[in-house]
Protein backbone atom coordinates (compact mmCIF):
# COMPACT_ATOMS: atom_id res chain seq x y z
CA UNK A 1 -91.80 -54.53 88.75
CA UNK A 2 -89.90 -53.33 91.83
CA UNK A 3 -89.71 -49.68 92.54
CA UNK A 4 -86.09 -48.40 92.52
CA UNK A 5 -84.94 -46.58 95.69
CA UNK A 6 -84.53 -42.84 95.29
CA UNK A 7 -82.17 -42.62 98.27
CA UNK A 8 -78.87 -42.98 96.37
CA UNK A 9 -79.98 -40.40 93.87
CA UNK A 10 -81.00 -38.11 96.68
CA UNK A 11 -77.70 -38.60 98.49
CA UNK A 12 -75.75 -38.05 95.30
CA UNK A 13 -77.69 -34.85 94.65
CA UNK A 14 -77.11 -33.63 98.17
CA UNK A 15 -73.39 -34.33 97.93
CA UNK A 16 -73.25 -32.54 94.60
CA UNK A 17 -75.16 -29.64 96.04
CA UNK A 18 -72.85 -29.53 99.06
CA UNK A 19 -69.78 -29.57 96.83
CA UNK A 20 -71.34 -26.81 94.74
CA UNK A 21 -71.94 -24.63 97.78
CA UNK A 22 -68.46 -25.37 99.19
CA UNK A 23 -66.93 -24.38 95.86
CA UNK A 24 -69.05 -21.27 95.86
CA UNK A 25 -67.85 -20.51 99.38
CA UNK A 26 -64.21 -21.09 98.39
CA UNK A 27 -64.53 -18.86 95.35
CA UNK A 28 -66.21 -16.16 97.43
CA UNK A 29 -63.06 -16.06 99.60
CA UNK A 30 -60.66 -15.95 96.68
CA UNK A 31 -59.41 -12.55 95.62
CA UNK A 32 -56.23 -11.51 93.87
CA UNK A 33 -55.23 -9.41 96.87
CA UNK A 34 -56.18 -10.65 100.32
CA UNK A 35 -55.45 -10.03 104.00
CA UNK A 36 -55.52 -12.17 107.10
CA UNK A 37 -58.77 -11.97 109.10
CA UNK A 38 -57.16 -13.02 112.35
CA UNK A 39 -54.03 -14.82 113.52
CA UNK A 40 -53.74 -17.72 111.06
CA UNK A 41 -51.35 -20.46 109.98
CA UNK A 42 -49.10 -20.42 106.90
CA UNK A 43 -48.53 -23.91 105.41
CA UNK A 44 -46.02 -25.48 103.06
CA UNK A 45 -46.91 -27.88 100.21
CA UNK A 46 -47.26 -30.84 102.61
CA UNK A 47 -49.59 -28.72 104.81
CA UNK A 48 -46.99 -28.46 107.56
CA UNK A 49 -46.99 -25.28 109.59
CA UNK A 50 -44.41 -22.74 108.45
CA UNK A 51 -45.42 -19.65 110.41
CA UNK A 52 -48.15 -17.81 112.26
CA UNK A 53 -49.51 -14.83 110.33
CA UNK A 54 -51.00 -12.07 112.44
CA UNK A 55 -54.11 -10.05 111.62
CA UNK A 56 -53.95 -7.52 108.80
CA UNK A 57 -51.04 -9.01 106.81
CA UNK A 58 -51.58 -8.53 103.07
CA UNK A 59 -50.38 -10.52 100.04
CA UNK A 60 -51.56 -11.73 96.65
CA UNK A 61 -52.69 -15.20 95.53
CA UNK A 62 -52.00 -17.43 92.57
CA UNK A 63 -55.02 -17.51 90.22
CA UNK A 64 -55.00 -21.27 89.55
CA UNK A 65 -55.43 -22.11 93.24
CA UNK A 66 -58.85 -20.47 93.54
CA UNK A 67 -60.72 -23.83 93.41
CA UNK A 68 -58.73 -25.36 96.27
CA UNK A 69 -59.40 -25.17 99.97
CA UNK A 70 -55.79 -23.98 100.38
CA UNK A 71 -54.90 -20.91 98.36
CA UNK A 72 -51.34 -20.67 97.09
CA UNK A 73 -49.40 -17.42 97.49
CA UNK A 74 -48.33 -15.97 94.17
CA UNK A 75 -44.89 -17.27 93.10
CA UNK A 76 -44.21 -18.66 96.59
CA UNK A 77 -44.46 -22.29 97.86
CA UNK A 78 -46.80 -21.36 100.72
CA UNK A 79 -50.51 -21.83 101.34
CA UNK A 80 -53.30 -20.41 103.49
CA UNK A 81 -56.66 -21.98 104.35
CA UNK A 82 -59.40 -20.31 102.34
CA UNK A 83 -61.57 -19.33 105.33
CA UNK A 84 -58.68 -17.55 107.03
CA UNK A 85 -58.47 -14.70 104.54
CA UNK A 86 -60.62 -11.92 103.17
CA UNK A 87 -60.47 -9.43 100.34
CA UNK A 88 -58.02 -6.56 100.65
CA UNK A 89 -59.92 -3.50 99.48
CA UNK A 90 -56.89 -1.21 99.36
CA UNK A 91 -54.78 -2.07 96.37
CA UNK A 92 -51.23 -2.61 97.44
CA UNK A 93 -48.95 0.07 96.06
CA UNK A 94 -45.83 -1.27 94.44
CA UNK A 95 -42.92 0.25 96.28
CA UNK A 96 -40.41 2.07 94.11
CA UNK A 97 -37.07 1.51 95.77
CA UNK A 98 -33.90 3.49 95.34
CA UNK A 99 -31.83 0.68 96.75
CA UNK A 100 -30.78 -2.87 95.99
CA UNK A 101 -31.18 -5.98 98.12
CA UNK A 102 -27.97 -6.98 99.92
CA UNK A 103 -26.02 -9.96 98.66
CA UNK A 104 -26.39 -11.32 102.17
CA UNK A 105 -29.10 -13.36 103.88
CA UNK A 106 -30.09 -13.36 107.52
CA UNK A 107 -30.57 -16.81 109.04
CA UNK A 108 -33.53 -16.41 111.40
CA UNK A 109 -34.33 -18.94 114.11
CA UNK A 110 -37.56 -20.75 114.94
CA UNK A 111 -40.10 -18.55 116.79
CA UNK A 112 -38.55 -15.36 115.42
CA UNK A 113 -41.14 -12.57 115.19
CA UNK A 114 -41.29 -10.14 112.25
CA UNK A 115 -42.77 -6.67 112.75
CA UNK A 116 -44.35 -4.17 110.41
CA UNK A 117 -42.65 -0.78 110.03
CA UNK A 118 -45.11 0.63 112.59
CA UNK A 119 -44.04 -2.07 115.11
CA UNK A 120 -47.08 -4.39 114.80
CA UNK A 121 -46.42 -8.14 115.09
CA UNK A 122 -46.99 -9.69 111.64
CA UNK A 123 -45.30 -13.11 111.40
CA UNK A 124 -43.93 -15.71 113.81
CA UNK A 125 -41.82 -18.44 112.21
CA UNK A 126 -42.26 -22.13 112.98
CA UNK A 127 -38.88 -23.11 111.58
CA UNK A 128 -35.46 -21.68 110.70
CA UNK A 129 -35.28 -19.67 107.50
CA UNK A 130 -32.74 -17.78 105.36
CA UNK A 131 -34.05 -14.48 103.97
CA UNK A 132 -32.33 -11.74 101.86
CA UNK A 133 -31.66 -8.45 103.66
CA UNK A 134 -33.25 -5.36 102.09
CA UNK A 135 -31.56 -2.81 104.36
CA UNK A 136 -30.51 -2.33 108.00
CA UNK A 137 -30.48 0.23 110.76
CA UNK A 138 -29.03 0.24 114.27
CA UNK A 139 -31.77 -2.02 115.70
CA UNK A 140 -33.33 -4.03 112.86
CA UNK A 141 -32.78 -6.02 109.72
CA UNK A 142 -35.42 -5.27 107.08
CA UNK A 143 -36.60 -8.08 104.80
CA UNK A 144 -39.20 -8.54 102.10
CA UNK A 145 -41.12 -11.63 103.14
CA UNK A 146 -44.45 -12.71 101.64
CA UNK A 147 -44.35 -9.46 99.63
CA UNK A 148 -44.36 -7.40 102.83
CA UNK A 149 -41.54 -5.18 104.03
CA UNK A 150 -40.95 -6.34 107.59
CA UNK A 151 -38.29 -5.95 110.22
CA UNK A 152 -36.67 -8.32 112.67
CA UNK A 153 -34.73 -7.25 115.76
CA UNK A 154 -30.97 -7.61 115.63
CA UNK A 155 -29.78 -10.32 118.01
CA UNK A 156 -27.18 -12.95 117.26
CA UNK A 157 -28.43 -13.83 113.80
CA UNK A 158 -25.93 -15.29 111.38
CA UNK A 159 -25.35 -13.58 108.05
CA UNK A 160 -24.50 -15.62 104.99
CA UNK A 161 -23.23 -14.47 101.62
CA UNK A 162 -25.82 -14.98 98.86
CA UNK A 163 -25.94 -13.59 95.32
CA UNK A 164 -29.39 -12.00 95.52
CA UNK A 165 -28.84 -9.51 92.70
CA UNK A 166 -26.37 -8.90 89.88
CA UNK A 167 -27.25 -5.23 89.61
CA UNK A 168 -24.47 -2.74 90.34
CA UNK A 169 -24.55 -0.60 93.45
CA UNK A 170 -23.85 3.14 93.22
CA UNK A 171 -20.12 3.77 93.57
CA UNK A 172 -20.72 7.49 94.20
CA UNK A 173 -23.40 10.09 94.83
CA UNK A 174 -23.48 13.45 93.05
CA UNK A 175 -24.43 16.12 95.59
CA UNK A 176 -25.69 19.24 93.81
CA UNK A 177 -25.99 22.39 95.91
CA UNK A 178 -27.93 25.53 95.01
CA UNK A 179 -26.98 28.42 97.29
CA UNK A 180 -29.90 30.51 96.06
CA UNK A 181 -32.85 29.70 93.77
CA UNK A 182 -34.71 32.80 92.61
CA UNK A 183 -37.36 33.64 90.07
CA UNK A 184 -34.99 36.19 88.55
CA UNK A 185 -31.25 35.74 88.81
CA UNK A 186 -29.60 38.50 90.88
CA UNK A 187 -25.97 37.43 90.99
CA UNK A 188 -23.74 34.54 90.02
CA UNK A 189 -24.56 32.64 93.21
CA UNK A 190 -28.24 32.46 92.30
CA UNK A 191 -29.97 30.23 89.74
CA UNK A 192 -33.33 31.01 88.18
CA UNK A 193 -36.10 28.62 89.23
CA UNK A 194 -36.95 27.79 85.59
CA UNK A 195 -33.29 26.83 85.00
CA UNK A 196 -33.35 24.59 88.08
CA UNK A 197 -36.44 22.85 86.71
CA UNK A 198 -34.76 22.35 83.32
CA UNK A 199 -31.72 20.85 85.05
CA UNK A 200 -33.83 18.50 87.19
CA UNK A 201 -35.87 17.45 84.16
CA UNK A 202 -32.57 16.63 82.41
CA UNK A 203 -31.52 14.64 85.49
CA UNK A 204 -34.74 12.62 85.31
CA UNK A 205 -34.55 12.14 81.53
CA UNK A 206 -31.02 10.71 81.81
CA UNK A 207 -32.16 8.09 84.33
CA UNK A 208 -30.83 9.72 87.49
CA UNK A 209 -32.99 9.84 90.60
CA UNK A 210 -33.13 12.01 93.73
CA UNK A 211 -32.44 10.65 97.20
CA UNK A 212 -33.08 12.11 100.65
CA UNK A 213 -30.46 13.18 103.17
CA UNK A 214 -31.39 10.15 105.31
CA UNK A 215 -30.83 7.82 102.35
CA UNK A 216 -27.45 9.46 101.73
CA UNK A 217 -26.41 8.97 105.36
CA UNK A 218 -27.60 5.37 105.31
CA UNK A 219 -25.64 4.77 102.10
CA UNK A 220 -22.44 6.07 103.73
CA UNK A 221 -23.01 3.82 106.74
CA UNK A 222 -23.61 0.76 104.52
CA UNK A 223 -27.18 0.49 105.75
CA UNK A 224 -28.60 0.54 102.23
CA UNK A 225 -27.24 -0.24 98.77
CA UNK A 226 -28.24 2.60 96.47
CA UNK A 227 -28.85 1.93 92.81
CA UNK A 228 -26.55 3.63 90.33
CA UNK A 229 -27.24 7.25 89.33
CA UNK A 230 -28.15 8.54 92.79
CA UNK A 231 -28.26 12.34 93.25
CA UNK A 232 -28.75 14.44 96.39
CA UNK A 233 -29.93 18.01 95.70
CA UNK A 234 -29.63 20.61 98.48
CA UNK A 235 -30.27 24.30 99.06
CA UNK A 236 -29.92 26.69 101.99
CA UNK A 237 -33.43 28.08 102.54
CA UNK A 238 -37.02 26.86 102.29
CA UNK A 239 -37.92 30.12 100.56
CA UNK A 240 -35.59 29.15 97.71
CA UNK A 241 -38.14 26.54 96.65
CA UNK A 242 -41.31 28.66 96.43
CA UNK A 243 -41.22 28.89 92.62
CA UNK A 244 -40.18 25.27 91.99
CA UNK A 245 -42.74 22.69 90.83
CA UNK A 246 -43.98 20.44 93.62
CA UNK A 247 -42.68 17.29 91.90
CA UNK A 248 -39.14 18.60 92.39
CA UNK A 249 -39.63 20.78 95.48
CA UNK A 250 -40.48 17.83 97.69
CA UNK A 251 -37.22 16.10 96.78
CA UNK A 252 -34.82 19.00 97.44
CA UNK A 253 -33.24 18.95 100.89
CA UNK A 254 -33.07 22.23 102.82
CA UNK A 255 -29.86 22.21 104.87
CA UNK A 256 -30.06 22.84 108.61
CA UNK A 257 -27.36 24.52 110.66
CA UNK A 258 -26.50 21.20 112.32
CA UNK A 259 -26.15 19.46 108.98
CA UNK A 260 -23.13 17.42 107.92
CA UNK A 261 -19.99 19.23 106.75
CA UNK A 262 -19.82 19.79 103.01
CA UNK A 263 -16.75 20.48 100.93
CA UNK A 264 -17.33 22.57 97.80
CA UNK A 265 -14.81 20.55 95.82
CA UNK A 266 -16.95 20.13 92.68
CA UNK A 267 -16.31 16.40 92.93
CA UNK A 268 -18.44 13.31 93.54
CA UNK A 269 -19.04 11.91 97.01
CA UNK A 270 -18.02 8.33 97.82
CA UNK A 271 -17.89 6.29 100.99
CA UNK A 272 -14.11 6.51 100.89
CA UNK A 273 -13.83 10.32 100.63
CA UNK A 274 -16.70 11.20 103.00
CA UNK A 275 -15.40 10.35 106.45
CA UNK A 276 -15.90 13.89 107.83
CA UNK A 277 -16.28 16.27 104.90
CA UNK A 278 -18.63 15.48 102.05
CA UNK A 279 -17.77 16.49 98.48
CA UNK A 280 -20.42 18.43 96.60
CA UNK A 281 -20.92 20.40 93.41
CA UNK A 282 -21.88 24.08 93.51
CA UNK A 283 -24.49 24.81 90.85
CA UNK A 284 -24.56 28.53 90.12
CA UNK A 285 -25.76 30.94 87.48
CA UNK A 286 -22.85 30.13 85.18
CA UNK A 287 -23.31 26.34 85.24
CA UNK A 288 -23.98 25.16 81.69
CA UNK A 289 -26.11 22.12 80.89
CA UNK A 290 -22.94 20.38 79.72
CA UNK A 291 -21.26 21.00 83.09
CA UNK A 292 -24.44 19.94 84.88
CA UNK A 293 -24.34 16.60 83.07
CA UNK A 294 -20.66 16.20 84.01
CA UNK A 295 -21.66 16.71 87.65
CA UNK A 296 -24.25 13.94 87.32
CA UNK A 297 -21.61 11.67 85.83
CA UNK A 298 -19.27 12.30 88.77
CA UNK A 299 -16.64 14.25 86.83
CA UNK A 300 -14.59 17.03 88.41
CA UNK A 301 -15.97 20.38 87.23
CA UNK A 302 -13.80 23.45 87.87
CA UNK A 303 -13.52 26.38 85.48
CA UNK A 304 -10.29 28.36 85.48
CA UNK A 305 -8.64 26.42 88.33
CA UNK A 306 -6.56 28.41 90.82
CA UNK A 307 -2.78 28.32 90.61
CA UNK A 308 -2.28 30.76 93.50
CA UNK A 309 -4.55 31.67 96.42
CA UNK A 310 -4.34 34.72 98.71
CA UNK A 311 -4.39 33.85 102.42
CA UNK A 312 -5.67 36.81 104.46
CA UNK A 313 -4.64 37.26 108.09
CA UNK A 314 -6.79 39.21 110.59
CA UNK A 315 -6.48 39.53 114.35
CA UNK A 316 -8.93 41.75 116.27
CA UNK A 317 -12.33 43.30 115.44
CA UNK A 318 -14.12 46.34 116.85
CA UNK A 319 -17.00 48.67 115.91
CA UNK A 320 -16.04 52.32 115.84
CA UNK A 321 -19.70 53.35 115.34
CA UNK A 322 -20.43 52.00 118.85
CA UNK A 323 -17.60 54.05 120.35
CA UNK A 324 -15.27 51.06 120.46
CA UNK A 325 -11.58 51.38 119.74
CA UNK A 326 -8.40 49.36 119.50
CA UNK A 327 -4.82 50.43 120.15
CA UNK A 328 -3.24 47.72 118.01
CA UNK A 329 -2.28 48.16 114.35
CA UNK A 330 -3.66 44.70 113.53
CA UNK A 331 -7.24 45.63 114.49
CA UNK A 332 -10.05 45.81 111.93
CA UNK A 333 -13.16 47.99 112.14
CA UNK A 334 -16.23 45.89 111.24
CA UNK A 335 -17.23 48.55 108.70
CA UNK A 336 -13.98 47.96 106.78
CA UNK A 337 -14.27 44.20 107.21
CA UNK A 338 -17.76 44.21 105.68
CA UNK A 339 -16.50 46.37 102.82
CA UNK A 340 -13.89 43.74 102.07
CA UNK A 341 -16.38 40.87 102.29
CA UNK A 342 -18.78 42.77 100.04
CA UNK A 343 -16.02 43.05 97.46
CA UNK A 344 -15.43 39.29 97.65
CA UNK A 345 -19.15 38.62 97.37
CA UNK A 346 -19.80 41.05 94.51
CA UNK A 347 -16.86 39.65 92.56
CA UNK A 348 -17.86 36.01 93.11
CA UNK A 349 -14.93 34.92 95.29
CA UNK A 350 -15.14 31.61 97.09
CA UNK A 351 -14.10 31.79 100.75
CA UNK A 352 -12.44 28.49 101.55
CA UNK A 353 -12.63 26.13 104.45
CA UNK A 354 -9.27 24.94 105.73
CA UNK A 355 -10.20 21.46 104.56
CA UNK A 356 -10.65 22.73 101.00
CA UNK A 357 -7.37 24.66 101.10
CA UNK A 358 -5.50 21.66 102.50
CA UNK A 359 -6.82 19.31 99.84
CA UNK A 360 -5.93 21.84 97.15
CA UNK A 361 -2.38 22.13 98.49
CA UNK A 362 -2.05 18.35 98.36
CA UNK A 363 -3.39 18.18 94.76
CA UNK A 364 -6.52 16.31 95.85
CA UNK A 365 -9.02 18.82 94.44
CA UNK A 366 -9.12 21.82 92.14
CA UNK A 367 -10.48 25.17 93.30
CA UNK A 368 -11.80 28.09 91.25
CA UNK A 369 -9.40 30.86 90.33
CA UNK A 370 -11.32 33.32 92.50
CA UNK A 371 -10.66 31.62 95.84
CA UNK A 372 -9.46 33.16 99.09
CA UNK A 373 -8.63 31.77 102.53
CA UNK A 374 -9.52 33.97 105.51
CA UNK A 375 -7.57 33.32 108.72
CA UNK A 376 -7.76 34.98 112.13
CA UNK A 377 -5.08 34.63 114.82
CA UNK A 378 -5.31 34.36 118.61
CA UNK A 379 -9.01 34.54 119.59
CA UNK A 380 -8.90 37.96 121.29
CA UNK A 381 -10.97 41.16 120.86
CA UNK A 382 -14.20 40.72 118.86
CA UNK A 383 -13.48 37.18 117.66
CA UNK A 384 -15.47 35.23 120.25
CA UNK A 385 -18.93 35.36 121.78
CA UNK A 386 -17.42 36.41 125.11
CA UNK A 387 -15.20 39.28 123.95
CA UNK A 388 -17.27 41.46 121.64
CA UNK A 389 -18.72 38.90 119.22
CA UNK A 390 -18.04 40.81 116.01
CA UNK A 391 -16.54 38.14 113.76
CA UNK A 392 -19.00 35.23 113.93
CA UNK A 393 -22.24 37.16 113.24
CA UNK A 394 -20.63 38.77 110.17
CA UNK A 395 -19.42 35.42 108.79
CA UNK A 396 -22.87 33.93 109.32
CA UNK A 397 -24.57 36.95 107.74
CA UNK A 398 -22.39 36.71 104.63
CA UNK A 399 -22.28 32.89 104.72
CA UNK A 400 -18.52 33.04 104.29
CA UNK A 401 -15.97 30.68 105.78
CA UNK A 402 -12.91 31.49 107.87
CA UNK A 403 -10.38 29.71 110.09
CA UNK A 404 -9.46 30.84 113.60
CA UNK A 405 -6.01 29.92 114.92
CA UNK A 406 -6.85 29.80 118.62
CA UNK A 407 -4.50 29.94 121.60
CA UNK A 408 -6.38 27.03 123.12
CA UNK A 409 -5.08 27.34 126.68
CA UNK A 410 -6.19 30.96 127.00
CA UNK A 411 -9.86 30.88 126.01
CA UNK A 412 -12.68 28.33 125.95
CA UNK A 413 -13.12 26.94 122.43
CA UNK A 414 -16.91 26.88 122.93
CA UNK A 415 -16.92 30.69 122.62
CA UNK A 416 -16.04 30.35 118.93
CA UNK A 417 -18.36 27.64 117.64
CA UNK A 418 -19.94 28.35 114.24
CA UNK A 419 -20.52 26.43 111.02
CA UNK A 420 -18.59 29.20 109.26
CA UNK A 421 -15.56 29.23 111.54
CA UNK A 422 -13.09 26.35 111.70
CA UNK A 423 -10.75 26.27 114.68
CA UNK A 424 -7.12 25.25 114.41
CA UNK A 425 -4.11 25.52 116.72
CA UNK A 426 -2.04 28.57 117.60
CA UNK A 427 -0.32 26.67 120.49
CA UNK A 428 -1.84 25.84 123.86
CA UNK A 429 0.19 28.30 125.94
CA UNK A 430 3.23 29.41 123.94
CA UNK A 431 2.01 32.67 122.46
CA UNK A 432 4.59 34.70 124.40
CA UNK A 433 8.18 35.78 123.89
CA UNK A 434 10.76 33.48 125.45
CA UNK A 435 14.03 34.22 127.20
CA UNK A 436 15.88 33.95 123.90
CA UNK A 437 14.14 37.14 122.69
CA UNK A 438 11.97 35.36 120.12
CA UNK A 439 8.69 33.45 120.28
CA UNK A 440 8.55 30.86 123.05
CA UNK A 441 8.17 28.17 120.41
CA UNK A 442 11.74 28.97 119.34
CA UNK A 443 13.17 29.29 122.85
CA UNK A 444 11.72 26.11 124.39
CA UNK A 445 13.05 22.60 123.95
CA UNK A 446 11.56 20.46 121.22
CA UNK A 447 10.12 18.13 123.88
CA UNK A 448 8.27 21.02 125.56
CA UNK A 449 6.99 22.32 122.22
CA UNK A 450 5.61 18.90 121.28
CA UNK A 451 3.92 18.62 124.70
CA UNK A 452 2.23 22.02 124.20
CA UNK A 453 1.12 21.23 120.66
CA UNK A 454 -0.42 17.92 121.74
CA UNK A 455 -2.40 19.68 124.45
CA UNK A 456 -3.71 22.10 121.82
CA UNK A 457 -4.69 19.26 119.49
CA UNK A 458 -6.63 17.66 122.35
CA UNK A 459 -8.77 20.81 122.38
CA UNK A 460 -9.25 21.42 118.64
CA UNK A 461 -9.44 17.73 117.65
CA UNK A 462 -7.70 18.71 114.41
CA UNK A 463 -4.27 18.44 112.85
CA UNK A 464 -5.21 20.16 109.59
CA UNK A 465 -3.23 23.33 110.23
CA UNK A 466 -1.05 25.27 112.67
CA UNK A 467 -0.06 28.91 112.84
CA UNK A 468 3.34 30.05 114.22
CA UNK A 469 2.99 32.81 116.87
CA UNK A 470 4.58 36.11 115.78
CA UNK A 471 5.41 34.35 112.45
CA UNK A 472 8.51 33.01 114.29
CA UNK A 473 9.79 29.56 113.35
CA UNK A 474 13.02 27.61 113.04
CA UNK A 475 14.05 24.09 112.01
CA UNK A 476 13.30 22.63 115.45
CA UNK A 477 9.79 24.14 115.71
CA UNK A 478 8.89 23.01 112.17
CA UNK A 479 10.03 19.48 113.01
CA UNK A 480 7.86 19.54 116.16
CA UNK A 481 4.84 20.69 114.13
CA UNK A 482 5.42 17.89 111.62
CA UNK A 483 5.96 15.21 114.27
CA UNK A 484 2.64 15.86 116.04
CA UNK A 485 0.87 15.46 112.70
CA UNK A 486 -0.02 18.93 111.40
CA UNK A 487 -0.41 18.89 107.63
CA UNK A 488 -0.01 22.64 107.07
CA UNK A 489 1.57 25.54 108.93
CA UNK A 490 1.21 29.30 108.30
CA UNK A 491 3.53 32.27 108.69
CA UNK A 492 3.57 35.81 107.21
CA UNK A 493 5.03 36.74 103.86
CA UNK A 494 2.95 39.19 101.76
CA UNK A 495 2.51 36.84 98.83
CA UNK A 496 -0.03 34.34 97.54
CA UNK A 497 0.19 30.67 98.39
CA UNK A 498 0.80 28.16 95.63
CA UNK A 499 1.12 24.40 95.57
CA UNK A 500 4.84 24.92 95.29
CA UNK A 501 4.88 26.82 98.61
CA UNK A 502 6.51 25.06 101.56
CA UNK A 503 3.55 23.42 103.32
CA UNK A 504 5.00 24.46 106.69
CA UNK A 505 5.74 28.08 105.72
CA UNK A 506 2.57 29.11 103.92
CA UNK A 507 2.60 32.89 103.38
CA UNK A 508 -0.23 35.22 104.39
CA UNK A 509 -1.19 38.88 103.99
CA UNK A 510 -1.66 40.64 107.36
CA UNK A 511 -4.60 43.10 107.31
CA UNK A 512 -4.28 46.32 109.37
CA UNK A 513 -6.44 49.21 110.54
CA UNK A 514 -4.85 51.26 107.80
CA UNK A 515 -5.42 48.74 104.97
CA UNK A 516 -7.56 50.55 102.41
CA UNK A 517 -10.12 48.84 100.18
CA UNK A 518 -7.86 49.58 97.21
CA UNK A 519 -4.96 47.82 98.92
CA UNK A 520 -7.25 44.92 99.78
CA UNK A 521 -8.32 44.61 96.13
CA UNK A 522 -4.69 44.63 95.02
CA UNK A 523 -3.97 41.75 97.41
CA UNK A 524 -6.75 39.45 96.15
CA UNK A 525 -6.57 40.47 92.48
CA UNK A 526 -2.80 40.61 91.93
């Protein structure tokens, strides 16, 4: 009997053993989360090259591909060679986004390079591709590709409309501002820290979420699409947050002096109404939970809306305690001025910006009953940083707003810059008496008046409001003020302004050296 050859059996065993060890090797490389060991190739189903993946790119794999030499990316039609990847030891954190993907795709060309957020090269494409846009900035499009947030430089890429999500984008943002947060409430402008926490817990429970100032700016500039129920919470000082739980403290923005301009309108902020001024809600010690929820829902929240508002008119400021004096009746000692501001503060008056007053006059917003507009004429003694500097430090100390009507051709506007002082026009160079015996605005031709007013607007960059010198006006001067685009104009008058007041003859109360605190109280309270 012939002996049978053992060679085939040996070869078969060796092949089986080799397959066993290869499978073991393949399985040793398979992990749910992996990263690229070096620069490797990404393949499609036909094993054609799709892209180059650079070192350190992370993604997850599909479980059923673990016995193949090419591992399939989870839920994506792409493959990597098993020896090109290794286990990712750091578990990838699922990013919780406050924004929605755009309903637009970017069409990227062959050889386009994608970068990580820290500017490392991560992917180089081998063919053209259309990818949804996550968000944008001035230099990059951001995309989620292979489960990685990457960026691609803006060039001449084509954008195409694509329905990437049916979810609704936020149509507004509720901006909630806390002037003061304190452990124990001291006045109506302050809110106890425990109350703030209750309000923010309510916000969270109702499905609202907090955004950063940068996210808010990007939303306004159409760089991101915020989800619905976005809320920006702000305060004025870091110290306000000492008693607030860390989970909330880290999400409250502390406003800087160079921050954007806010309007305390108690209304929601939208892209349409936030071109320069940004609507916000003032949350104070009297804000009920019901009103707080209305703020979240974007409703207008004003208690006891104003029907009439006193407009106060000051001119010059001096400090008698420093031996200073003033020989004009329209001067104001800083001691008396602070007494008046203290009264407004202690009695919870809101000092308005001109923007707020203008919008109230035009029925665009409601303002609280205790509102007052402070105006100052000219720009002379004590009003600027070059001529005594009394007004601005006091406004900043009290955090109260005022409007200066500046004779723009007489003094440099830079002397009056402050976040608490708006600057409007008091003519460029017509604050003198003309040959007709009245203000020059009355005596000059309409053409000359318009020329002067336009020069003043070039300086202030505003047509919100104008103030007639010496309270002198006539039909011609009012027409000139209207034609150059001013929306309001102020005179004298010793009565409160109402929405029924002529918008180009708004009355004001002049304040004098001799105005007592009692007289001041009668003006604002009557």
